[in-house]
C-alpha atoms as a PDB file:
ATOM      1  CA  MET A   1      -6.295 -31.371  11.076  1.00  0.00           C
ATOM      2  CA  SER A   2      -7.935 -31.775  14.367  1.00  0.00           C
ATOM      3  CA  GLY A   3      -9.564 -29.043  16.053  1.00  0.00           C
ATOM      4  CA  ALA A   4      -7.276 -29.515  18.952  1.00  0.00           C
ATOM      5  CA  ALA A   5      -4.226 -29.182  16.983  1.00  0.00           C
ATOM      6  CA  ALA A   6      -4.910 -25.954  15.674  1.00  0.00           C
ATOM      7  CA  ASP A   7      -6.101 -24.294  18.732  1.00  0.00           C
ATOM      8  CA  SER A   8      -2.885 -25.404  20.536  1.00  0.00           C
ATOM      9  CA  PRO A   9       0.109 -22.758  20.529  1.00  0.00           C
ATOM     10  CA  GLN A  10       3.023 -24.192  18.422  1.00  0.00           C
ATOM     11  CA  SER A  11       5.553 -21.619  19.024  1.00  0.00           C
ATOM     12  CA  GLU A  12       6.576 -18.073  19.373  1.00  0.00           C
ATOM     13  CA  PHE A  13       8.259 -17.553  16.120  1.00  0.00           C
ATOM     14  CA  PHE A  14       5.517 -16.890  13.332  1.00  0.00           C
ATOM     15  CA  LEU A  15       5.994 -14.197  10.979  1.00  0.00           C
ATOM     16  CA  ASP A  16       3.146 -11.831   9.793  1.00  0.00           C
ATOM     17  CA  ARG A  17       3.180 -11.622   5.758  1.00  0.00           C
ATOM     18  CA  SER A  18       0.288  -8.950   5.740  1.00  0.00           C
ATOM     19  CA  PHE A  19       3.073  -6.347   7.403  1.00  0.00           C
ATOM     20  CA  LEU A  20       4.385  -6.686   4.209  1.00  0.00           C
ATOM     21  CA  LYS A  21       1.108  -5.029   2.767  1.00  0.00           C
ATOM     22  CA  THR A  22       1.097  -2.241   4.898  1.00  0.00           C
ATOM     23  CA  ARG A  23       2.995   1.471   3.781  1.00  0.00           C
ATOM     24  CA  ARG A  24       6.037   0.264   6.328  1.00  0.00           C
ATOM     25  CA  GLY A  25       6.428  -2.864   4.967  1.00  0.00           C
ATOM     26  CA  ILE A  26       6.431  -1.481   1.428  1.00  0.00           C
ATOM     27  CA  ILE A  27       8.804   1.441   2.615  1.00  0.00           C
ATOM     28  CA  LEU A  28      10.977  -0.855   4.177  1.00  0.00           C
ATOM     29  CA  GLY A  29      11.286  -3.376   0.867  1.00  0.00           C
ATOM     30  CA  ILE A  30      11.489  -0.635  -1.529  1.00  0.00           C
ATOM     31  CA  GLU A  31      14.789   0.647   0.422  1.00  0.00           C
ATOM     32  CA  MET A  32      16.070  -2.769   0.786  1.00  0.00           C
ATOM     33  CA  LEU A  33      15.315  -2.916  -2.803  1.00  0.00           C
ATOM     34  CA  PHE A  34      18.039   0.356  -3.654  1.00  0.00           C
ATOM     35  CA  GLN A  35      20.407  -0.829  -0.955  1.00  0.00           C
ATOM     36  CA  LEU A  36      21.141  -3.924  -2.902  1.00  0.00           C
ATOM     37  CA  LEU A  37      20.985  -2.099  -6.241  1.00  0.00           C
ATOM     38  CA  LEU A  38      23.725   0.255  -4.815  1.00  0.00           C
ATOM     39  CA  PHE A  39      25.769  -2.629  -3.138  1.00  0.00           C
ATOM     40  CA  ILE A  40      25.703  -4.521  -6.547  1.00  0.00           C
ATOM     41  CA  CYS A  41      26.989  -1.091  -8.500  1.00  0.00           C
ATOM     42  CA  LEU A  42      29.163   0.061  -6.280  1.00  0.00           C
ATOM     43  CA  ALA A  43      31.018  -3.897  -5.688  1.00  0.00           C
ATOM     44  CA  ALA A  44      31.300  -3.620  -9.943  1.00  0.00           C
ATOM     45  CA  ALA A  45      32.408   0.347  -9.677  1.00  0.00           C
ATOM     46  CA  ALA A  46      33.455   2.033  -6.465  1.00  0.00           C
ATOM     47  CA  ALA A  47      34.699  -0.478  -3.866  1.00  0.00           C
ATOM     48  CA  SER A  48      36.687   1.597  -1.214  1.00  0.00           C
ATOM     49  CA  LEU A  49      32.145   2.995  -0.472  1.00  0.00           C
ATOM     50  CA  ILE A  50      30.622  -0.465  -0.817  1.00  0.00           C
ATOM     51  CA  ALA A  51      30.124  -0.848   3.371  1.00  0.00           C
ATOM     52  CA  ALA A  52      27.325   1.632   3.885  1.00  0.00           C
ATOM     53  CA  PRO A  53      24.706   0.074   1.662  1.00  0.00           C
ATOM     54  CA  LEU A  54      25.635  -3.264   3.375  1.00  0.00           C
ATOM     55  CA  ILE A  55      25.416  -2.563   6.646  1.00  0.00           C
ATOM     56  CA  PHE A  56      22.295  -0.423   6.124  1.00  0.00           C
ATOM     57  CA  LEU A  57      21.095  -3.571   4.702  1.00  0.00           C
ATOM     58  CA  VAL A  58      21.502  -5.812   7.409  1.00  0.00           C
ATOM     59  CA  ILE A  59      19.959  -3.048   9.649  1.00  0.00           C
ATOM     60  CA  ASN A  60      16.618  -3.069   7.423  1.00  0.00           C
ATOM     61  CA  ILE A  61      16.858  -6.945   7.415  1.00  0.00           C
ATOM     62  CA  CYS A  62      16.522  -6.392  11.447  1.00  0.00           C
ATOM     63  CA  PHE A  63      14.147  -4.146  11.430  1.00  0.00           C
ATOM     64  CA  LEU A  64      11.869  -5.845   8.765  1.00  0.00           C
ATOM     65  CA  VAL A  65      11.964  -9.393  11.510  1.00  0.00           C
ATOM     66  CA  VAL A  66      11.415  -7.517  14.195  1.00  0.00           C
ATOM     67  CA  TYR A  67       8.074  -6.183  12.370  1.00  0.00           C
ATOM     68  CA  LEU A  68       7.608  -9.644  10.583  1.00  0.00           C
ATOM     69  CA  THR A  69       7.817 -11.355  14.355  1.00  0.00           C
ATOM     70  CA  HIS A  70       6.230  -8.635  16.338  1.00  0.00           C
ATOM     71  CA  TYR A  71       8.864  -8.585  18.523  1.00  0.00           C
ATOM     72  CA  HIS A  72       8.793  -5.094  18.775  1.00  0.00           C
ATOM     73  CA  GLN A  73       5.270  -5.850  20.964  1.00  0.00           C
ATOM     74  CA  HIS A  74       7.271  -7.484  23.455  1.00  0.00           C
ATOM     75  CA  LEU A  75      10.389  -4.854  23.696  1.00  0.00           C
ATOM     76  CA  ALA A  76       7.915  -2.599  25.092  1.00  0.00           C
ATOM     77  CA  GLY A  77      10.809  -0.647  26.506  1.00  0.00           C
ATOM     78  CA  LEU A  78      12.131   0.457  23.179  1.00  0.00           C
ATOM     79  CA  SER A  79      10.138   3.114  21.460  1.00  0.00           C
ATOM     80  CA  TRP A  80      10.225   1.684  18.162  1.00  0.00           C
ATOM     81  CA  PRO A  81       8.782   4.343  16.112  1.00  0.00           C
ATOM     82  CA  CYS A  82      11.534   6.544  17.819  1.00  0.00           C
ATOM     83  CA  THR A  83      14.339   4.045  17.012  1.00  0.00           C
ATOM     84  CA  ASP A  84      12.805   3.313  13.301  1.00  0.00           C
ATOM     85  CA  PHE A  85      12.981   7.638  12.698  1.00  0.00           C
ATOM     86  CA  VAL A  86      16.533   7.414  14.122  1.00  0.00           C
ATOM     87  CA  ARG A  87      17.909   5.133  11.523  1.00  0.00           C
ATOM     88  CA  ALA A  88      16.095   6.778   8.446  1.00  0.00           C
ATOM     89  CA  ALA A  89      16.923   9.843   9.319  1.00  0.00           C
ATOM     90  CA  VAL A  90      20.729   8.713   9.550  1.00  0.00           C
ATOM     91  CA  SER A  91      20.547   6.782   6.465  1.00  0.00           C
ATOM     92  CA  SER A  92      19.476   9.357   4.509  1.00  0.00           C
ATOM     93  CA  LEU A  93      22.229  11.556   5.633  1.00  0.00           C
ATOM     94  CA  ILE A  94      24.585   9.019   5.133  1.00  0.00           C
ATOM     95  CA  PHE A  95      22.684   8.041   1.602  1.00  0.00           C
ATOM     96  CA  LEU A  96      23.031  11.566   0.512  1.00  0.00           C
ATOM     97  CA  ILE A  97      27.117  12.046   1.495  1.00  0.00           C
ATOM     98  CA  VAL A  98      27.949   8.415  -0.404  1.00  0.00           C
ATOM     99  CA  SER A  99      25.701   9.474  -3.527  1.00  0.00           C
ATOM    100  CA  SER A 100      27.314  12.943  -3.432  1.00  0.00           C
ATOM    101  CA  VAL A 101      30.773  11.624  -3.358  1.00  0.00           C
ATOM    102  CA  LEU A 102      29.958   9.409  -5.764  1.00  0.00           C
ATOM    103  CA  ALA A 103      28.684  11.961  -8.432  1.00  0.00           C
ATOM    104  CA  ALA A 104      31.392  14.316  -7.790  1.00  0.00           C
ATOM    105  CA  ARG A 105      33.784  11.377  -8.748  1.00  0.00           C
ATOM    106  CA  SER A 106      32.015   9.725 -11.528  1.00  0.00           C
ATOM    107  CA  ASP A 107      34.502   7.446 -12.647  1.00  0.00           C
ATOM    108  CA  GLY A 108      32.376   5.544 -15.431  1.00  0.00           C
ATOM    109  CA  ALA A 109      28.570   4.174 -16.090  1.00  0.00           C
ATOM    110  CA  GLY A 110      29.052   2.365 -12.924  1.00  0.00           C
ATOM    111  CA  THR A 111      29.122   4.916 -10.489  1.00  0.00           C
ATOM    112  CA  ALA A 112      26.897   6.757 -12.381  1.00  0.00           C
ATOM    113  CA  VAL A 113      24.565   4.681 -11.660  1.00  0.00           C
ATOM    114  CA  ALA A 114      25.104   3.966  -8.293  1.00  0.00           C
ATOM    115  CA  SER A 115      25.076   7.885  -7.558  1.00  0.00           C
ATOM    116  CA  VAL A 116      21.263   7.707  -9.300  1.00  0.00           C
ATOM    117  CA  PHE A 117      20.142   4.935  -6.997  1.00  0.00           C
ATOM    118  CA  GLY A 118      21.974   6.328  -4.152  1.00  0.00           C
ATOM    119  CA  PHE A 119      19.879   9.819  -4.907  1.00  0.00           C
ATOM    120  CA  MET A 120      16.729   8.078  -5.255  1.00  0.00           C
ATOM    121  CA  LEU A 121      17.531   5.954  -2.013  1.00  0.00           C
ATOM    122  CA  THR A 122      17.848   8.920  -0.068  1.00  0.00           C
ATOM    123  CA  GLY A 123      14.891  10.458  -1.430  1.00  0.00           C
ATOM    124  CA  VAL A 124      12.681   7.313  -0.025  1.00  0.00           C
ATOM    125  CA  LEU A 125      14.918   7.427   3.268  1.00  0.00           C
ATOM    126  CA  VAL A 126      13.713  10.913   3.863  1.00  0.00           C
ATOM    127  CA  TYR A 127       9.756   9.980   3.108  1.00  0.00           C
ATOM    128  CA  ASP A 128      10.717   7.246   5.491  1.00  0.00           C
ATOM    129  CA  ALA A 129      11.749   9.506   8.231  1.00  0.00           C
ATOM    130  CA  TYR A 130       9.052  12.181   7.460  1.00  0.00           C
ATOM    131  CA  ASP A 131       6.734  10.097   7.764  1.00  0.00           C
ATOM    132  CA  LEU A 132       7.580   8.385  10.753  1.00  0.00           C
ATOM    133  CA  TYR A 133       7.753  11.558  12.365  1.00  0.00           C
ATOM    134  CA  ARG A 134       4.492  12.801  11.487  1.00  0.00           C
ATOM    135  CA  ASN A 135       3.134   9.514  13.063  1.00  0.00           C
ATOM    136  CA  VAL A 136       5.116   9.768  16.399  1.00  0.00           C
ATOM    137  CA  LEU A 137       4.490  13.620  16.750  1.00  0.00           C
ATOM    138  CA  THR A 138       0.842  13.384  15.645  1.00  0.00           C
ATOM    139  CA  GLY A 139       0.271  10.335  17.246  1.00  0.00           C
ATOM    140  CA  GLN A 140      -1.717   8.881  14.093  1.00  0.00           C
ATOM    141  CA  SER A 141      -1.401   5.353  12.855  1.00  0.00           C
ATOM    142  CA  GLN A 142      -1.793   5.659   8.673  1.00  0.00           C
ATOM    143  CA  GLU A 143      -1.126   1.297   8.567  1.00  0.00           C
ATOM    144  CA  GLN A 144      -4.350   0.881  10.522  1.00  0.00           C
ATOM    145  CA  GLY A 145      -7.473   1.143   8.278  1.00  0.00           C
ATOM    146  CA  GLU A 146      -9.516   1.422  11.580  1.00  0.00           C
ATOM    147  CA  SER A 147      -7.657   4.620  12.825  1.00  0.00           C
ATOM    148  CA  CYS A 148      -9.405   6.413   9.795  1.00  0.00           C
ATOM    149  CA  PRO A 149     -13.277   7.216   9.376  1.00  0.00           C
ATOM    150  CA  GLY A 150     -14.714   5.160   7.549  1.00  0.00           C
ATOM    151  CA  GLY A 151     -11.889   2.826   7.041  1.00  0.00           C
ATOM    152  CA  ALA A 152     -10.795   5.028   4.024  1.00  0.00           C
ATOM    153  CA  ASP A 153      -6.760   5.132   3.617  1.00  0.00           C
ATOM    154  CA  CYS A 154      -5.371   8.490   5.428  1.00  0.00           C
ATOM    155  CA  ALA A 155      -3.274   9.474   3.013  1.00  0.00           C
END
């Protein structure tokens, strides 16, 4: 490759894979994993509750694409941390309800496993909402190493 070809802008669409190694990326990945597991368990055991994990899995994929492509910087009219907080808070409330219904029904092993995954997902979503609320309220950025004294982890 020549130096001129490397310096020219290719396209606006690129994926920043380093986002997946940040705290936000890891939390979104864990949420998507639990939503996929819950979707599979509900598809096998209780198809009437399958919509919630599927809808929120698609929403999480959209947020992941927005963060991976840095579109949140181009769409500055929308407060992305607040939008992400609302997503996490609403998701945690809905999955708490779905998990409680599954635990109360407990028709068999499939609904019991789905209930456990649902409660685990609810815990991850509550942590995500708390972390986002703390970062938005205090203005701290715990994803950036340079925001902490000496480059240490803020956690």
